[in-house]
PDB file of N, CA and C in Angstrom:
ATOM      1  N   MET A   1     221.145  23.773 -31.455  1.00  0.00           N
ATOM      2  CA  MET A   1     220.619  22.343 -30.645  1.00  0.00           C
ATOM      3  C   MET A   1     218.843  21.773 -30.575  1.00  0.00           C
ATOM      4  N   GLU A   2     218.970  21.159 -29.991  1.00  0.00           N
ATOM      5  CA  GLU A   2     217.303  20.378 -30.387  1.00  0.00           C
ATOM      6  C   GLU A   2     216.968  20.541 -28.232  1.00  0.00           C
ATOM      7  N   SER A   3     215.624  21.104 -28.580  1.00  0.00           N
ATOM      8  CA  SER A   3     214.978  20.959 -27.090  1.00  0.00           C
ATOM      9  C   SER A   3     213.595  20.411 -26.936  1.00  0.00           C
ATOM     10  N   THR A   4     213.400  19.849 -25.905  1.00  0.00           N
ATOM     11  CA  THR A   4     211.863  19.424 -25.516  1.00  0.00           C
ATOM     12  C   THR A   4     211.292  20.403 -24.687  1.00  0.00           C
ATOM     13  N   ASP A   5     209.955  20.135 -24.828  1.00  0.00           N
ATOM     14  CA  ASP A   5     209.076  20.882 -24.039  1.00  0.00           C
ATOM     15  C   ASP A   5     208.793  20.329 -22.781  1.00  0.00           C
ATOM     16  N   ILE A   6     208.488  20.510 -21.708  1.00  0.00           N
ATOM     17  CA  ILE A   6     207.929  19.894 -20.463  1.00  0.00           C
ATOM     18  C   ILE A   6     206.596  20.657 -19.920  1.00  0.00           C
ATOM     19  N   GLU A   7     206.090  19.668 -19.536  1.00  0.00           N
ATOM     20  CA  GLU A   7     204.814  19.983 -19.201  1.00  0.00           C
ATOM     21  C   GLU A   7     204.277  19.841 -17.680  1.00  0.00           C
ATOM     22  N   LEU A   8     204.822  20.446 -16.974  1.00  0.00           N
ATOM     23  CA  LEU A   8     204.662  20.679 -15.562  1.00  0.00           C
ATOM     24  C   LEU A   8     202.897  20.194 -14.547  1.00  0.00           C
ATOM     25  N   GLU A   9     202.685  21.433 -15.395  1.00  0.00           N
ATOM     26  CA  GLU A   9     200.586  21.719 -14.305  1.00  0.00           C
ATOM     27  C   GLU A   9     199.850  21.657 -15.651  1.00  0.00           C
ATOM     28  N   ASP A  10     198.437  21.327 -15.259  1.00  0.00           N
ATOM     29  CA  ASP A  10     198.085  22.044 -16.714  1.00  0.00           C
ATOM     30  C   ASP A  10     197.433  23.636 -17.006  1.00  0.00           C
ATOM     31  N   ASP A  11     197.835  23.957 -15.393  1.00  0.00           N
ATOM     32  CA  ASP A  11     197.580  25.451 -16.005  1.00  0.00           C
ATOM     33  C   ASP A  11     198.968  26.011 -16.463  1.00  0.00           C
ATOM     34  N   LEU A  12     200.070  25.704 -16.564  1.00  0.00           N
ATOM     35  CA  LEU A  12     200.884  25.867 -16.896  1.00  0.00           C
ATOM     36  C   LEU A  12     201.675  26.014 -18.129  1.00  0.00           C
ATOM     37  N   GLU A  13     202.027  26.715 -18.637  1.00  0.00           N
ATOM     38  CA  GLU A  13     202.527  26.445 -20.760  1.00  0.00           C
ATOM     39  C   GLU A  13     203.635  25.366 -19.981  1.00  0.00           C
ATOM     40  N   PRO A  14     204.020  24.784 -21.552  1.00  0.00           N
ATOM     41  CA  PRO A  14     205.087  23.904 -21.285  1.00  0.00           C
ATOM     42  C   PRO A  14     206.293  24.738 -20.938  1.00  0.00           C
ATOM     43  N   VAL A  15     207.287  24.053 -20.609  1.00  0.00           N
ATOM     44  CA  VAL A  15     208.712  24.534 -20.728  1.00  0.00           C
ATOM     45  C   VAL A  15     209.512  24.089 -20.886  1.00  0.00           C
ATOM     46  N   GLU A  16     210.014  24.812 -22.274  1.00  0.00           N
ATOM     47  CA  GLU A  16     211.043  24.702 -23.533  1.00  0.00           C
ATOM     48  C   GLU A  16     212.598  24.212 -22.612  1.00  0.00           C
ATOM     49  N   ILE A  17     213.306  23.102 -22.269  1.00  0.00           N
ATOM     50  CA  ILE A  17     214.916  23.346 -22.075  1.00  0.00           C
ATOM     51  C   ILE A  17     214.757  22.432 -22.955  1.00  0.00           C
ATOM     52  N   GLU A  18     216.731  22.841 -23.043  1.00  0.00           N
ATOM     53  CA  GLU A  18     217.272  21.996 -23.734  1.00  0.00           C
ATOM     54  C   GLU A  18     218.104  21.004 -22.880  1.00  0.00           C
ATOM     55  N   ILE A  19     218.421  19.673 -23.916  1.00  0.00           N
ATOM     56  CA  ILE A  19     218.311  18.329 -22.985  1.00  0.00           C
ATOM     57  C   ILE A  19     219.585  17.877 -23.609  1.00  0.00           C
ATOM     58  N   THR A  20     220.693  17.933 -22.251  1.00  0.00           N
ATOM     59  CA  THR A  20     222.081  17.941 -21.955  1.00  0.00           C
ATOM     60  C   THR A  20     222.209  16.809 -21.360  1.00  0.00           C
ATOM     61  N   ASP A  21     223.484  16.599 -20.819  1.00  0.00           N
ATOM     62  CA  ASP A  21     224.107  15.580 -20.036  1.00  0.00           C
ATOM     63  C   ASP A  21     224.029  15.889 -18.594  1.00  0.00           C
ATOM     64  N   THR A  22     223.063  17.840 -18.032  1.00  0.00           N
ATOM     65  CA  THR A  22     223.329  18.211 -16.951  1.00  0.00           C
ATOM     66  C   THR A  22     221.790  18.721 -17.009  1.00  0.00           C
ATOM     67  N   ILE A  23     221.497  18.906 -15.636  1.00  0.00           N
ATOM     68  CA  ILE A  23     220.339  19.494 -16.084  1.00  0.00           C
ATOM     69  C   ILE A  23     220.414  20.367 -14.177  1.00  0.00           C
ATOM     70  N   ASP A  24     220.102  21.675 -14.041  1.00  0.00           N
ATOM     71  CA  ASP A  24     219.990  21.819 -12.871  1.00  0.00           C
ATOM     72  C   ASP A  24     218.495  22.737 -12.197  1.00  0.00           C
ATOM     73  N   LEU A  25     218.431  21.852 -11.156  1.00  0.00           N
ATOM     74  CA  LEU A  25     217.001  22.085 -10.761  1.00  0.00           C
ATOM     75  C   LEU A  25     216.746  23.306  -9.722  1.00  0.00           C
ATOM     76  N   HIS A  26     217.689  24.098  -9.964  1.00  0.00           N
ATOM     77  CA  HIS A  26     217.550  25.589  -8.762  1.00  0.00           C
ATOM     78  C   HIS A  26     216.520  26.288  -9.622  1.00  0.00           C
ATOM     79  N   SER A  27     216.205  26.382 -11.468  1.00  0.00           N
ATOM     80  CA  SER A  27     214.784  27.049 -11.132  1.00  0.00           C
ATOM     81  C   SER A  27     213.772  26.948 -11.577  1.00  0.00           C
ATOM     82  N   PHE A  28     213.851  25.249 -10.979  1.00  0.00           N
ATOM     83  CA  PHE A  28     211.899  24.909 -10.829  1.00  0.00           C
ATOM     84  C   PHE A  28     211.830  25.128  -9.356  1.00  0.00           C
ATOM     85  N   ARG A  29     210.159  25.755  -9.206  1.00  0.00           N
ATOM     86  CA  ARG A  29     209.797  25.324  -7.905  1.00  0.00           C
ATOM     87  C   ARG A  29     210.173  23.726  -7.580  1.00  0.00           C
ATOM     88  N   PRO A  30     210.170  23.503  -6.286  1.00  0.00           N
ATOM     89  CA  PRO A  30     210.101  22.311  -5.469  1.00  0.00           C
ATOM     90  C   PRO A  30     208.964  21.531  -5.777  1.00  0.00           C
ATOM     91  N   GLU A  31     207.595  21.986  -5.957  1.00  0.00           N
ATOM     92  CA  GLU A  31     207.238  20.912  -6.389  1.00  0.00           C
ATOM     93  C   GLU A  31     207.036  20.307  -7.807  1.00  0.00           C
ATOM     94  N   GLU A  32     207.513  21.339  -8.220  1.00  0.00           N
ATOM     95  CA  GLU A  32     207.765  20.773  -9.902  1.00  0.00           C
ATOM     96  C   GLU A  32     209.346  19.513 -10.269  1.00  0.00           C
ATOM     97  N   VAL A  33     209.703  19.197  -9.091  1.00  0.00           N
ATOM     98  CA  VAL A  33     210.621  18.861  -9.285  1.00  0.00           C
ATOM     99  C   VAL A  33     211.094  17.430  -9.699  1.00  0.00           C
ATOM    100  N   LYS A  34     209.545  16.380  -8.756  1.00  0.00           N
ATOM    101  CA  LYS A  34     209.319  15.243  -9.348  1.00  0.00           C
ATOM    102  C   LYS A  34     209.004  15.194 -11.157  1.00  0.00           C
ATOM    103  N   ALA A  35     208.306  15.936 -11.106  1.00  0.00           N
ATOM    104  CA  ALA A  35     207.516  15.832 -12.564  1.00  0.00           C
ATOM    105  C   ALA A  35     208.982  16.053 -13.825  1.00  0.00           C
ATOM    106  N   VAL A  36     209.787  16.984 -13.260  1.00  0.00           N
ATOM    107  CA  VAL A  36     211.234  17.520 -14.437  1.00  0.00           C
ATOM    108  C   VAL A  36     211.968  16.582 -14.626  1.00  0.00           C
ATOM    109  N   VAL A  37     212.331  15.387 -13.490  1.00  0.00           N
ATOM    110  CA  VAL A  37     213.294  14.538 -13.439  1.00  0.00           C
ATOM    111  C   VAL A  37     212.480  13.838 -14.243  1.00  0.00           C
ATOM    112  N   GLU A  38     211.011  12.988 -14.200  1.00  0.00           N
ATOM    113  CA  GLU A  38     210.234  12.008 -14.502  1.00  0.00           C
ATOM    114  C   GLU A  38     210.555  12.410 -16.089  1.00  0.00           C
ATOM    115  N   ALA A  39     210.571  13.331 -16.418  1.00  0.00           N
ATOM    116  CA  ALA A  39     210.203  14.092 -18.059  1.00  0.00           C
ATOM    117  C   ALA A  39     211.867  13.953 -18.620  1.00  0.00           C
ATOM    118  N   TYR A  40     212.807  14.326 -17.644  1.00  0.00           N
ATOM    119  CA  TYR A  40     214.425  14.621 -17.963  1.00  0.00           C
ATOM    120  C   TYR A  40     214.452  13.013 -18.205  1.00  0.00           C
ATOM    121  N   LEU A  41     214.793  12.616 -17.408  1.00  0.00           N
ATOM    122  CA  LEU A  41     215.050  10.991 -17.792  1.00  0.00           C
ATOM    123  C   LEU A  41     215.160  10.904 -18.995  1.00  0.00           C
ATOM    124  N   PRO A  42     214.287  10.215 -19.543  1.00  0.00           N
ATOM    125  CA  PRO A  42     213.808   9.353 -20.760  1.00  0.00           C
ATOM    126  C   PRO A  42     214.356  10.061 -21.883  1.00  0.00           C
ATOM    127  N   GLU A  43     214.229  11.370 -21.517  1.00  0.00           N
ATOM    128  CA  GLU A  43     214.722  12.472 -23.137  1.00  0.00           C
ATOM    129  C   GLU A  43     216.049  12.255 -23.150  1.00  0.00           C
ATOM    130  N   ALA A  44     216.868  12.317 -21.565  1.00  0.00           N
ATOM    131  CA  ALA A  44     218.186  12.389 -21.874  1.00  0.00           C
ATOM    132  C   ALA A  44     218.984  10.948 -22.269  1.00  0.00           C
ATOM    133  N   ARG A  45     218.172  10.140 -22.247  1.00  0.00           N
ATOM    134  CA  ARG A  45     217.907   8.303 -22.460  1.00  0.00           C
ATOM    135  C   ARG A  45     218.370   8.803 -24.008  1.00  0.00           C
ATOM    136  N   LYS A  46     217.111   9.008 -24.153  1.00  0.00           N
ATOM    137  CA  LYS A  46     216.915   8.791 -25.871  1.00  0.00           C
ATOM    138  C   LYS A  46     218.246   9.860 -26.713  1.00  0.00           C
ATOM    139  N   LYS A  47     218.492  10.888 -25.934  1.00  0.00           N
ATOM    140  CA  LYS A  47     219.648  11.728 -26.648  1.00  0.00           C
ATOM    141  C   LYS A  47     220.820  10.682 -26.434  1.00  0.00           C
ATOM    142  N   GLY A  48     220.974   9.534 -25.951  1.00  0.00           N
ATOM    143  CA  GLY A  48     222.277   8.680 -26.582  1.00  0.00           C
ATOM    144  C   GLY A  48     222.921   9.064 -25.149  1.00  0.00           C
ATOM    145  N   PHE A  49     222.924   9.790 -24.201  1.00  0.00           N
ATOM    146  CA  PHE A  49     223.747   9.958 -23.172  1.00  0.00           C
ATOM    147  C   PHE A  49     223.557   8.227 -22.090  1.00  0.00           C
ATOM    148  N   SER A  50     224.727   8.217 -22.045  1.00  0.00           N
ATOM    149  CA  SER A  50     225.253   7.041 -21.027  1.00  0.00           C
ATOM    150  C   SER A  50     224.594   7.543 -19.294  1.00  0.00           C
ATOM    151  N   VAL A  51     225.711   8.526 -18.956  1.00  0.00           N
ATOM    152  CA  VAL A  51     225.608   9.567 -17.919  1.00  0.00           C
ATOM    153  C   VAL A  51     225.019  11.002 -17.636  1.00  0.00           C
ATOM    154  N   VAL A  52     224.196  11.265 -16.724  1.00  0.00           N
ATOM    155  CA  VAL A  52     223.767  12.585 -16.547  1.00  0.00           C
ATOM    156  C   VAL A  52     224.269  12.838 -15.449  1.00  0.00           C
ATOM    157  N   ARG A  53     223.954  14.757 -15.032  1.00  0.00           N
ATOM    158  CA  ARG A  53     223.869  14.793 -13.393  1.00  0.00           C
ATOM    159  C   ARG A  53     222.741  16.107 -13.107  1.00  0.00           C
ATOM    160  N   ILE A  54     222.229  15.514 -12.293  1.00  0.00           N
ATOM    161  CA  ILE A  54     221.149  16.326 -11.779  1.00  0.00           C
ATOM    162  C   ILE A  54     221.546  17.100 -10.658  1.00  0.00           C
ATOM    163  N   ILE A  55     221.522  18.232 -10.636  1.00  0.00           N
ATOM    164  CA  ILE A  55     221.941  19.259  -9.782  1.00  0.00           C
ATOM    165  C   ILE A  55     220.744  19.747  -9.175  1.00  0.00           C
ATOM    166  N   HIS A  56     220.492  19.106  -7.714  1.00  0.00           N
ATOM    167  CA  HIS A  56     219.303  19.765  -7.118  1.00  0.00           C
ATOM    168  C   HIS A  56     219.545  20.559  -6.019  1.00  0.00           C
ATOM    169  N   GLY A  57     221.500  21.042  -5.457  1.00  0.00           N
ATOM    170  CA  GLY A  57     221.421  21.805  -3.960  1.00  0.00           C
ATOM    171  C   GLY A  57     222.151  20.690  -3.235  1.00  0.00           C
ATOM    172  N   LYS A  58     222.743  21.370  -2.300  1.00  0.00           N
ATOM    173  CA  LYS A  58     223.286  20.258  -0.847  1.00  0.00           C
ATOM    174  C   LYS A  58     221.461  21.301  -0.099  1.00  0.00           C
ATOM    175  N   GLY A  59     221.270  22.203   0.750  1.00  0.00           N
ATOM    176  CA  GLY A  59     220.288  22.619   1.478  1.00  0.00           C
ATOM    177  C   GLY A  59     220.306  21.543   2.402  1.00  0.00           C
ATOM    178  N   ILE A  60     218.506  21.384   2.814  1.00  0.00           N
ATOM    179  CA  ILE A  60     218.701  20.305   3.870  1.00  0.00           C
ATOM    180  C   ILE A  60     217.938  19.059   3.562  1.00  0.00           C
ATOM    181  N   GLY A  61     217.895  18.391   1.937  1.00  0.00           N
ATOM    182  CA  GLY A  61     217.691  17.157   1.307  1.00  0.00           C
ATOM    183  C   GLY A  61     217.268  16.653   0.562  1.00  0.00           C
ATOM    184  N   VAL A  62     216.073  17.724   0.873  1.00  0.00           N
ATOM    185  CA  VAL A  62     214.601  17.580   0.224  1.00  0.00           C
ATOM    186  C   VAL A  62     214.746  17.049  -0.482  1.00  0.00           C
ATOM    187  N   GLN A  63     215.313  18.606  -1.932  1.00  0.00           N
ATOM    188  CA  GLN A  63     215.167  17.702  -3.685  1.00  0.00           C
ATOM    189  C   GLN A  63     216.004  16.638  -3.959  1.00  0.00           C
ATOM    190  N   ARG A  64     216.834  16.345  -3.266  1.00  0.00           N
ATOM    191  CA  ARG A  64     218.153  15.339  -3.201  1.00  0.00           C
ATOM    192  C   ARG A  64     216.767  13.968  -3.168  1.00  0.00           C
ATOM    193  N   GLU A  65     216.142  13.815  -1.994  1.00  0.00           N
ATOM    194  CA  GLU A  65     215.542  12.725  -1.613  1.00  0.00           C
ATOM    195  C   GLU A  65     214.373  12.796  -2.803  1.00  0.00           C
ATOM    196  N   ILE A  66     213.834  13.812  -3.011  1.00  0.00           N
ATOM    197  CA  ILE A  66     212.825  13.729  -4.419  1.00  0.00           C
ATOM    198  C   ILE A  66     213.415  12.941  -5.185  1.00  0.00           C
ATOM    199  N   VAL A  67     215.030  13.443  -5.671  1.00  0.00           N
ATOM    200  CA  VAL A  67     215.148  13.229  -7.136  1.00  0.00           C
ATOM    201  C   VAL A  67     215.791  11.396  -7.063  1.00  0.00           C
ATOM    202  N   ARG A  68     216.527  11.453  -5.895  1.00  0.00           N
ATOM    203  CA  ARG A  68     216.910   9.841  -5.566  1.00  0.00           C
ATOM    204  C   ARG A  68     215.595   8.776  -5.630  1.00  0.00           C
ATOM    205  N   SER A  69     214.133   8.928  -5.465  1.00  0.00           N
ATOM    206  CA  SER A  69     213.795   8.345  -4.907  1.00  0.00           C
ATOM    207  C   SER A  69     212.741   8.118  -6.566  1.00  0.00           C
ATOM    208  N   VAL A  70     212.924   9.199  -7.710  1.00  0.00           N
ATOM    209  CA  VAL A  70     212.835   9.038  -8.892  1.00  0.00           C
ATOM    210  C   VAL A  70     213.460   7.658  -9.128  1.00  0.00           C
ATOM    211  N   LEU A  71     214.871   8.104  -9.304  1.00  0.00           N
ATOM    212  CA  LEU A  71     216.227   7.077  -9.548  1.00  0.00           C
ATOM    213  C   LEU A  71     215.985   5.912  -9.387  1.00  0.00           C
ATOM    214  N   SER A  72     215.525   5.337  -7.874  1.00  0.00           N
ATOM    215  CA  SER A  72     214.952   3.925  -7.430  1.00  0.00           C
ATOM    216  C   SER A  72     213.976   3.151  -8.084  1.00  0.00           C
ATOM    217  N   LYS A  73     213.093   4.087  -8.335  1.00  0.00           N
ATOM    218  CA  LYS A  73     211.693   3.484  -9.342  1.00  0.00           C
ATOM    219  C   LYS A  73     211.945   3.511 -11.108  1.00  0.00           C
ATOM    220  N   CYS A  74     213.100   4.077 -11.763  1.00  0.00           N
ATOM    221  CA  CYS A  74     213.415   3.758 -12.805  1.00  0.00           C
ATOM    222  C   CYS A  74     214.201   2.560 -13.322  1.00  0.00           C
ATOM    223  N   GLU A  75     213.670   1.759 -14.354  1.00  0.00           N
ATOM    224  CA  GLU A  75     214.049   0.841 -14.522  1.00  0.00           C
ATOM    225  C   GLU A  75     215.249   0.663 -15.715  1.00  0.00           C
ATOM    226  N   TYR A  76     215.635   2.174 -15.738  1.00  0.00           N
ATOM    227  CA  TYR A  76     216.465   2.157 -16.644  1.00  0.00           C
ATOM    228  C   TYR A  76     217.757   2.445 -16.368  1.00  0.00           C
ATOM    229  N   VAL A  77     217.751   3.174 -14.882  1.00  0.00           N
ATOM    230  CA  VAL A  77     219.026   3.588 -14.133  1.00  0.00           C
ATOM    231  C   VAL A  77     219.441   2.401 -13.556  1.00  0.00           C
ATOM    232  N   LYS A  78     220.701   2.178 -14.172  1.00  0.00           N
ATOM    233  CA  LYS A  78     221.676   1.649 -13.663  1.00  0.00           C
ATOM    234  C   LYS A  78     222.508   1.533 -12.091  1.00  0.00           C
ATOM    235  N   SER A  79     222.713   2.893 -11.799  1.00  0.00           N
ATOM    236  CA  SER A  79     223.596   3.736 -10.422  1.00  0.00           C
ATOM    237  C   SER A  79     223.437   4.851 -10.227  1.00  0.00           C
ATOM    238  N   PHE A  80     223.416   5.207  -9.038  1.00  0.00           N
ATOM    239  CA  PHE A  80     223.206   6.976  -9.284  1.00  0.00           C
ATOM    240  C   PHE A  80     224.173   6.815  -7.785  1.00  0.00           C
ATOM    241  N   ARG A  81     224.572   7.953  -7.451  1.00  0.00           N
ATOM    242  CA  ARG A  81     225.639   8.620  -6.475  1.00  0.00           C
ATOM    243  C   ARG A  81     225.828  10.391  -6.359  1.00  0.00           C
ATOM    244  N   ASN A  82     226.270  10.536  -5.430  1.00  0.00           N
ATOM    245  CA  ASN A  82     226.535  11.865  -5.419  1.00  0.00           C
ATOM    246  C   ASN A  82     227.559  12.331  -6.810  1.00  0.00           C
ATOM    247  N   GLY A  83     227.999  13.844  -7.046  1.00  0.00           N
ATOM    248  CA  GLY A  83     228.794  13.915  -8.027  1.00  0.00           C
ATOM    249  C   GLY A  83     229.864  14.410  -7.522  1.00  0.00           C
ATOM    250  N   ASP A  84     231.260  14.662  -7.933  1.00  0.00           N
ATOM    251  CA  ASP A  84     232.807  14.462  -7.175  1.00  0.00           C
ATOM    252  C   ASP A  84     232.475  15.794  -6.937  1.00  0.00           C
ATOM    253  N   GLU A  85     233.825  15.938  -5.554  1.00  0.00           N
ATOM    254  CA  GLU A  85     233.383  16.911  -4.686  1.00  0.00           C
ATOM    255  C   GLU A  85     234.001  18.178  -5.450  1.00  0.00           C
ATOM    256  N   PHE A  86     234.829  18.126  -6.110  1.00  0.00           N
ATOM    257  CA  PHE A  86     235.732  19.595  -6.959  1.00  0.00           C
ATOM    258  C   PHE A  86     235.070  19.387  -8.208  1.00  0.00           C
ATOM    259  N   SER A  87     234.185  18.937  -9.071  1.00  0.00           N
ATOM    260  CA  SER A  87     234.063  18.776 -10.245  1.00  0.00           C
ATOM    261  C   SER A  87     232.500  18.131 -10.823  1.00  0.00           C
ATOM    262  N   GLY A  88     232.112  17.811  -9.710  1.00  0.00           N
ATOM    263  CA  GLY A  88     230.801  17.097 -10.311  1.00  0.00           C
ATOM    264  C   GLY A  88     229.320  17.856  -9.202  1.00  0.00           C
ATOM    265  N   GLY A  89     229.828  18.740  -7.998  1.00  0.00           N
ATOM    266  CA  GLY A  89     228.852  19.052  -7.511  1.00  0.00           C
ATOM    267  C   GLY A  89     228.863  18.698  -5.838  1.00  0.00           C
ATOM    268  N   GLY A  90     229.728  17.597  -6.012  1.00  0.00           N
ATOM    269  CA  GLY A  90     229.146  16.977  -4.266  1.00  0.00           C
ATOM    270  C   GLY A  90     228.318  16.496  -3.608  1.00  0.00           C
ATOM    271  N   SER A  91     227.737  16.636  -2.808  1.00  0.00           N
ATOM    272  CA  SER A  91     226.528  16.219  -1.963  1.00  0.00           C
ATOM    273  C   SER A  91     225.475  17.034  -3.062  1.00  0.00           C
ATOM    274  N   GLY A  92     226.029  18.395  -4.094  1.00  0.00           N
ATOM    275  CA  GLY A  92     224.167  18.764  -4.324  1.00  0.00           C
ATOM    276  C   GLY A  92     224.223  18.107  -5.639  1.00  0.00           C
ATOM    277  N   ALA A  93     224.624  17.598  -5.862  1.00  0.00           N
ATOM    278  CA  ALA A  93     224.401  16.847  -7.222  1.00  0.00           C
ATOM    279  C   ALA A  93     224.225  15.662  -7.161  1.00  0.00           C
ATOM    280  N   THR A  94     223.292  14.705  -8.202  1.00  0.00           N
ATOM    281  CA  THR A  94     223.509  13.757  -8.270  1.00  0.00           C
ATOM    282  C   THR A  94     223.749  13.284  -9.592  1.00  0.00           C
ATOM    283  N   VAL A  95     224.757  11.968  -9.646  1.00  0.00           N
ATOM    284  CA  VAL A  95     225.265  11.447 -11.212  1.00  0.00           C
ATOM    285  C   VAL A  95     224.738  10.409 -11.165  1.00  0.00           C
ATOM    286  N   VAL A  96     224.069   9.781 -12.521  1.00  0.00           N
ATOM    287  CA  VAL A  96     223.130   8.638 -13.194  1.00  0.00           C
ATOM    288  C   VAL A  96     223.552   8.081 -14.211  1.00  0.00           C
ATOM    289  N   LYS A  97     223.600   6.755 -13.543  1.00  0.00           N
ATOM    290  CA  LYS A  97     224.117   5.969 -14.992  1.00  0.00           C
ATOM    291  C   LYS A  97     223.275   5.168 -15.303  1.00  0.00           C
ATOM    292  N   PHE A  98     222.561   5.466 -16.954  1.00  0.00           N
ATOM    293  CA  PHE A  98     221.504   4.611 -17.628  1.00  0.00           C
ATOM    294  C   PHE A  98     222.150   2.937 -17.778  1.00  0.00           C
ATOM    295  N   ARG A  99     221.046   2.226 -17.796  1.00  0.00           N
ATOM    296  CA  ARG A  99     221.555   0.556 -18.307  1.00  0.00           C
ATOM    297  C   ARG A  99     221.951   0.736 -19.881  1.00  0.00           C
TER     298      ARG A  99
END
């Protein structure tokens, strides 16, 4: 599988992640979420995915709002919604459709 380096901050080493149709943000620090999503979206689109799932967790909704703020400003995002309750993570995940 092909992976992509995502650089988050100047003082950190790039993090290599495999680009699939799902990314789980639980392994990233809250202050990294925006940069990770901004880096992930174009890479996922380049891989040819038309739909991706971003797992941010339910919590109090802070990470969900960060994710959706990025999505709302992304010109190639057609739509986004909560994941399916039983198989897609419910409100703990956002399903994104690309144009």
